[in-house]
Each structure stands twice: as structure tokens, then as C-alpha cells.
Amino acid sequence: MVREYYARSVENEWKRLIQDAYHRLEFDTTMLFLKKYLPKKGLILDAGGGPGRYTIELAKLGYDVVLLDITPENLEFAKRRVKREKLENKVKEFIEGSITDLSMFSSNTFDAVLCLSGPLSHVKGEKRREKAVSELIRVAKKKAPVFVSVFGKFGCLSLGPANWPREIEMTEHFRRLYSKGDDYRWRGKYYAHYFTPEELQEAFTRDDFEIIEMVGLEGLATPHIKAINRLAKNEKAWKNWLEMHRKLCTHPIVVGISVHILLIGRKI
């Protein structure tokens, strides 16, 4: 069902990360930390990369990229964008597949692995999420960085009163969301899992992996979508806000309240 949703939402997902100042926080903050931790060159797997926003950005920076996504419509869109940008020599493959099964790749293949904007949050069931984590780490080379961003539970809950009051009214649904993080009404009828920072850290606590940093991608802006977009029109105020955001986005409290949480680690 999630595949079906994204098949109908290719254009929206392509535009989502740059549609306004609020949504650019996720994209720009992610890029900030990619540039901080990526090797200077190499082959990158963009797993669950949707219509290719990060794939294309990294190809422009000179990286070789493999784009994997579960939705054929996303891959076809990405192929067209890559051709338009004349990046065919940098985007090596477009592969239809799930992050729970990367068996088409040998272990220790990639110089970096990305799983951004929430694919892991759409994997239903703890065991299947454990499998996805294992696969993402397996295909990374030793010492290679792995970047995974998910939906944050507390950030989602902070957005609820303004955006989803009817869902809060659904007692059983709302209790399951705030207690277990499971949402069977994401976008109306699809599944999503919302992580606490501690849960995300636990998922990646393994003998072959070192967690380096956690980032709140929207951070303190999370519950203030309209106000943030207004603030961005004030050049001086927006510059000051971004400076604050960059300094505080790794603080545990800021990570916890963000609607998207980025975990950065390294295979050891």
C-alpha cells in the first residue's frame, strides 16, 4: 500500500524537500551532514531514494550513485531527471527493490549508504526493521558511513493538534501511536512507524556498527510550519535562526522533538 501511495505522489515527493523554507530544513540539514561525513569520492547506495532528489544532488558533487526504490514510478521519474541533468555517467543503476532485501548487492560494496526521508519508518514490524538495518550495514564497506533518517514520534505528536485533530479523537489509534509508535492511518490509510531517538539508537547498536551522531533535521522548527515560513521572509531573522539550528540540531532534546531524525554511523 505504501508503494501505491508513492506511485501516485512522485511529483509531490520530488518537490517536497524544496517546496518552502520549513521543508528545506530537512534537505539542507541532511546535505550539511552528508558533506561532513561522506568520503571525498566513491560509490554510494541511495536506498529508498524515491524520485532521486539526493541521488542527483550527490551525482552533481561527483559521486557515483546507485538508486534503489520500491516504486517503479519513482525510478522512471529519476531516470528522466538524471538524463535532463546529463548525469547518466554518475548514476550507475536504477534498481527496483526493498531495503529489507539487498541481496542483489554483495557485502562490503558501497563507500557510503543512504536511507533518507523515512523508508525505514514504512517497514512494518520490528523483525523486518531489524532485517533492513542489517542489510543497510551489510552492503557498506568497512569504515563506510551510513545515514538513516526516520519519522520522529515526539515531533509527530507535537504536530498533531494543528494537523491531525481527528486522529487524536480516535482513541485506540492515538494510544497505539503514542505508546508503540505505530500509525496505520499515515496519509489516511498507510503504515508508518515513528521512532524515539532511543529506539533508533537501539536498532543500530551492533557489534559491527558505531553510531557517530544524531541530528534533528527540522529541530525546534518542527511544530511551527507556518511561522517558520513567515520567518524565512525576514532575511536577518532567518539567517540567525539557521545559525542557531545548525548549532543545536544535534542536542538530544532537539533531536527528540524533530519530525525527522537522522542517525549517522560507521561500519566497523
Protein backbone atom coordinates (compact mmCIF):
# COMPACT_ATOMS: atom_id res chain seq x y z
CA MET A 1 0.00 0.00 0.00
CA VAL A 2 2.89 2.37 0.68
CA ARG A 3 4.24 1.60 -2.80
CA GLU A 4 0.85 2.53 -4.24
CA TYR A 5 0.83 5.82 -2.34
CA TYR A 6 4.25 6.84 -3.59
CA ALA A 7 3.38 5.76 -7.13
CA ARG A 8 0.65 8.43 -7.07
CA SER A 9 2.86 11.02 -5.35
CA VAL A 10 6.04 11.12 -7.42
CA GLU A 11 5.87 14.82 -8.31
CA ASN A 12 4.87 15.78 -4.76
CA GLU A 13 7.75 13.83 -3.25
CA TRP A 14 10.20 15.33 -5.73
CA LYS A 15 9.07 18.85 -4.77
CA ARG A 16 8.52 18.20 -1.05
CA LEU A 17 12.05 18.86 0.18
CA ILE A 18 12.36 22.23 -1.55
CA GLN A 19 8.76 23.48 -1.55
CA ASP A 20 9.29 26.01 1.26
CA ALA A 21 11.73 27.08 3.97
CA TYR A 22 10.33 24.64 6.52
CA HIS A 23 10.77 21.58 4.31
CA ARG A 24 14.18 22.76 3.12
CA LEU A 25 15.38 22.37 6.70
CA GLU A 26 15.23 18.58 6.26
CA PHE A 27 17.04 18.69 2.93
CA ASP A 28 19.65 21.33 3.75
CA THR A 29 20.47 19.88 7.17
CA THR A 30 20.83 16.40 5.67
CA MET A 31 23.15 17.75 2.97
CA LEU A 32 25.20 19.57 5.62
CA PHE A 33 25.92 16.30 7.42
CA LEU A 34 26.40 14.29 4.22
CA LYS A 35 29.13 16.71 3.21
CA LYS A 36 30.63 16.46 6.69
CA TYR A 37 30.91 12.66 6.78
CA LEU A 38 30.93 11.35 3.20
CA PRO A 39 34.28 10.27 1.75
CA LYS A 40 35.68 12.60 -0.89
CA LYS A 41 34.72 10.17 -3.64
CA GLY A 42 33.21 6.72 -4.11
CA LEU A 43 30.12 4.66 -4.86
CA ILE A 44 27.00 5.50 -2.84
CA LEU A 45 23.80 3.50 -2.42
CA ASP A 46 20.70 5.70 -2.14
CA ALA A 47 18.34 3.08 -0.69
CA GLY A 48 14.68 4.02 -0.74
CA GLY A 49 15.73 7.16 -2.58
CA GLY A 50 12.34 7.88 -4.14
CA PRO A 51 12.43 10.11 -7.23
CA GLY A 52 16.12 10.79 -6.75
CA ARG A 53 16.48 14.17 -5.05
CA TYR A 54 19.59 13.11 -3.09
CA THR A 55 20.88 10.88 -5.88
CA ILE A 56 21.02 13.80 -8.28
CA GLU A 57 22.50 16.18 -5.72
CA LEU A 58 25.30 13.73 -4.90
CA ALA A 59 25.93 12.95 -8.57
CA LYS A 60 26.39 16.68 -9.14
CA LEU A 61 29.02 16.63 -6.39
CA GLY A 62 30.94 13.97 -8.31
CA TYR A 63 29.87 10.76 -6.56
CA ASP A 64 28.85 7.57 -8.34
CA VAL A 65 25.37 6.60 -7.15
CA VAL A 66 23.07 3.59 -7.29
CA LEU A 67 19.40 4.46 -6.73
CA LEU A 68 17.17 1.76 -5.24
CA ASP A 69 13.46 2.24 -4.62
CA ILE A 70 10.39 0.09 -4.20
CA THR A 71 8.26 2.20 -6.57
CA PRO A 72 8.82 1.85 -10.35
CA GLU A 73 7.23 5.24 -10.98
CA ASN A 74 9.86 6.90 -8.79
CA LEU A 75 12.64 5.20 -10.70
CA GLU A 76 11.24 6.21 -14.09
CA PHE A 77 10.95 9.80 -12.92
CA ALA A 78 14.52 9.72 -11.59
CA LYS A 79 15.80 8.37 -14.92
CA ARG A 80 14.25 11.33 -16.73
CA ARG A 81 15.69 13.84 -14.25
CA VAL A 82 19.14 12.27 -14.45
CA LYS A 83 19.04 12.46 -18.24
CA ARG A 84 17.89 16.08 -18.08
CA GLU A 85 20.81 16.92 -15.79
CA LYS A 86 23.21 14.95 -18.03
CA LEU A 87 24.35 12.80 -15.12
CA GLU A 88 23.97 9.38 -16.74
CA ASN A 89 27.67 8.66 -16.26
CA LYS A 90 27.39 9.22 -12.48
CA VAL A 91 24.12 7.42 -11.68
CA LYS A 92 25.18 3.86 -12.35
CA GLU A 93 21.96 1.90 -11.79
CA PHE A 94 18.26 2.28 -11.08
CA ILE A 95 17.06 -0.78 -9.18
CA GLU A 96 13.57 -1.71 -8.05
CA GLY A 97 13.80 -3.25 -4.59
CA SER A 98 13.16 -3.03 -0.88
CA ILE A 99 15.57 -2.03 1.89
CA THR A 100 14.61 -5.28 3.65
CA ASP A 101 16.32 -7.32 0.90
CA LEU A 102 19.52 -6.01 -0.67
CA SER A 103 20.65 -9.45 -1.78
CA MET A 104 21.37 -8.11 -5.28
CA PHE A 105 24.44 -6.46 -3.72
CA SER A 106 27.47 -8.23 -2.29
CA SER A 107 28.61 -7.42 1.22
CA ASN A 108 31.08 -4.53 1.54
CA THR A 109 30.11 -2.97 -1.80
CA PHE A 110 29.46 0.72 -1.12
CA ASP A 111 31.64 3.57 0.11
CA ALA A 112 28.53 5.06 1.78
CA VAL A 113 24.91 4.01 2.27
CA LEU A 114 21.94 6.38 2.46
CA CYS A 115 18.38 5.63 3.57
CA LEU A 116 16.82 9.08 3.85
CA SER A 117 13.40 10.68 4.38
CA GLY A 118 11.83 7.73 6.16
CA PRO A 119 11.91 4.42 4.21
CA LEU A 120 12.74 2.56 7.43
CA SER A 121 9.63 4.08 9.02
CA HIS A 122 7.50 2.37 6.36
CA VAL A 123 8.81 -1.10 7.22
CA LYS A 124 6.12 -2.83 9.26
CA GLY A 125 7.22 -4.95 12.21
CA GLU A 126 10.29 -4.84 14.41
CA LYS A 127 11.81 -8.01 12.91
CA ARG A 128 11.56 -6.63 9.38
CA ARG A 129 13.06 -3.33 10.51
CA GLU A 130 15.93 -5.28 12.08
CA LYS A 131 16.43 -7.03 8.74
CA ALA A 132 16.53 -3.70 6.90
CA VAL A 133 19.11 -2.30 9.32
CA SER A 134 21.22 -5.43 8.92
CA GLU A 135 21.08 -5.16 5.12
CA LEU A 136 21.98 -1.46 5.04
CA ILE A 137 25.05 -2.14 7.16
CA ARG A 138 26.00 -5.36 5.35
CA VAL A 139 26.37 -3.72 1.93
CA ALA A 140 28.53 -0.89 3.30
CA LYS A 141 32.30 -1.25 3.17
CA LYS A 142 34.18 -1.32 6.45
CA LYS A 143 34.60 2.22 7.82
CA ALA A 144 31.94 3.45 5.37
CA PRO A 145 29.36 5.94 6.73
CA VAL A 146 25.68 5.02 6.87
CA PHE A 147 22.98 7.71 7.01
CA VAL A 148 19.40 6.81 8.00
CA SER A 149 16.58 9.26 8.66
CA VAL A 150 13.20 8.25 10.11
CA PHE A 151 9.99 9.81 11.36
CA GLY A 152 10.29 11.02 14.96
CA LYS A 153 7.50 10.14 17.38
CA PHE A 154 7.61 13.20 19.59
CA GLY A 155 7.87 15.53 16.59
CA CYS A 156 4.84 13.87 15.05
CA LEU A 157 2.85 14.21 18.25
CA SER A 158 3.75 17.90 18.53
CA LEU A 159 2.28 18.45 15.05
CA GLY A 160 -0.93 16.58 15.89
CA PRO A 161 -3.14 19.31 17.39
CA ALA A 162 -2.68 21.62 14.40
CA ASN A 163 -2.71 18.99 11.66
CA TRP A 164 -4.49 15.80 12.74
CA PRO A 165 -7.12 16.56 15.43
CA ARG A 166 -9.49 13.89 14.10
CA GLU A 167 -6.83 11.22 14.54
CA ILE A 168 -6.28 12.31 18.13
CA GLU A 169 -10.01 11.76 18.61
CA MET A 170 -9.60 8.10 17.56
CA THR A 171 -8.76 6.69 20.99
CA GLU A 172 -7.34 3.27 20.07
CA HIS A 173 -5.39 4.64 17.12
CA PHE A 174 -3.94 7.52 19.11
CA ARG A 175 -2.96 5.35 22.07
CA ARG A 176 -1.14 2.93 19.77
CA LEU A 177 0.66 5.85 18.12
CA TYR A 178 1.96 7.45 21.30
CA SER A 179 2.70 4.18 23.10
CA LYS A 180 4.13 1.98 20.31
CA GLY A 181 4.85 4.44 17.52
CA ASP A 182 2.71 2.51 15.03
CA ASP A 183 0.44 4.51 12.74
CA TYR A 184 -1.95 2.67 10.44
CA ARG A 185 -3.53 5.92 9.23
CA TRP A 186 -0.47 7.66 7.80
CA ARG A 187 -1.80 9.75 4.90
CA GLY A 188 -5.22 8.25 5.62
CA LYS A 189 -4.67 4.50 5.31
CA TYR A 190 -0.97 3.64 5.08
CA TYR A 191 1.53 2.36 7.63
CA ALA A 192 4.33 4.29 9.31
CA HIS A 193 6.41 3.72 12.40
CA TYR A 194 7.57 6.69 14.46
CA PHE A 195 10.84 6.30 16.36
CA THR A 196 12.05 7.75 19.61
CA PRO A 197 15.77 8.61 19.48
CA GLU A 198 16.47 5.82 21.96
CA GLU A 199 14.64 3.28 19.82
CA LEU A 200 16.55 4.34 16.72
CA GLN A 201 19.86 4.11 18.55
CA GLU A 202 18.96 0.66 19.87
CA ALA A 203 18.14 -0.53 16.34
CA PHE A 204 21.67 0.36 15.25
CA THR A 205 23.50 -0.82 18.35
CA ARG A 206 25.51 -3.70 16.90
CA ASP A 207 29.00 -5.13 17.15
CA ASP A 208 29.75 -4.16 13.53
CA PHE A 209 28.48 -0.57 13.73
CA GLU A 210 29.44 2.64 15.51
CA ILE A 211 26.90 5.45 15.97
CA ILE A 212 28.61 8.79 15.35
CA GLU A 213 25.88 11.41 15.60
CA MET A 214 22.13 12.00 15.80
CA VAL A 215 20.52 15.04 14.17
CA GLY A 216 17.10 16.69 14.45
CA LEU A 217 16.53 17.73 10.85
CA GLU A 218 13.75 20.26 11.47
CA GLY A 219 14.64 20.62 15.14
CA LEU A 220 12.96 23.40 17.08
CA ALA A 221 11.03 24.44 13.96
CA THR A 222 9.03 21.20 13.97
CA PRO A 223 5.63 22.36 15.34
CA HIS A 224 5.79 25.82 13.72
CA ILE A 225 5.40 25.23 9.97
CA LYS A 226 3.52 28.43 9.08
CA ALA A 227 5.55 30.59 11.46
CA ILE A 228 8.84 29.28 10.08
CA ASN A 229 7.79 30.03 6.50
CA ARG A 230 6.88 33.57 7.57
CA LEU A 231 10.15 33.96 9.44
CA ALA A 232 12.12 32.93 6.36
CA LYS A 233 10.90 36.08 4.59
CA ASN A 234 12.85 38.16 7.11
CA GLU A 235 16.41 37.77 5.84
CA LYS A 236 18.20 38.77 9.07
CA ALA A 237 15.92 36.73 11.31
CA TRP A 238 16.16 33.67 9.06
CA LYS A 239 19.95 33.87 8.96
CA ASN A 240 20.02 33.95 12.76
CA TRP A 241 17.55 31.05 13.03
CA LEU A 242 19.62 28.88 10.69
CA GLU A 243 22.77 29.65 12.66
CA MET A 244 21.01 28.56 15.85
CA HIS A 245 19.58 25.46 14.15
CA ARG A 246 22.98 24.30 12.93
CA LYS A 247 24.49 24.72 16.38
CA LEU A 248 21.69 22.99 18.29
CA CYS A 249 20.34 20.34 15.89
CA THR A 250 22.47 17.60 17.49
CA HIS A 251 21.36 18.38 21.05
CA PRO A 252 19.44 15.37 22.41
CA ILE A 253 16.32 17.43 23.20
CA VAL A 254 16.28 18.95 19.71
CA VAL A 255 16.78 15.52 18.14
CA GLY A 256 13.90 14.15 20.19
CA ILE A 257 11.34 16.73 19.14
CA SER A 258 12.20 16.74 15.43
CA VAL A 259 9.75 15.21 12.96
CA HIS A 260 12.68 13.69 11.04
CA ILE A 261 15.66 12.21 12.90
CA LEU A 262 18.93 11.45 11.15
CA LEU A 263 21.29 8.79 12.50
CA ILE A 264 24.85 8.80 11.23
CA GLY A 265 27.14 5.87 11.86
CA ARG A 266 30.02 3.87 10.51
CA LYS A 267 30.52 0.19 9.78
CA ILE A 268 33.40 -1.25 11.80
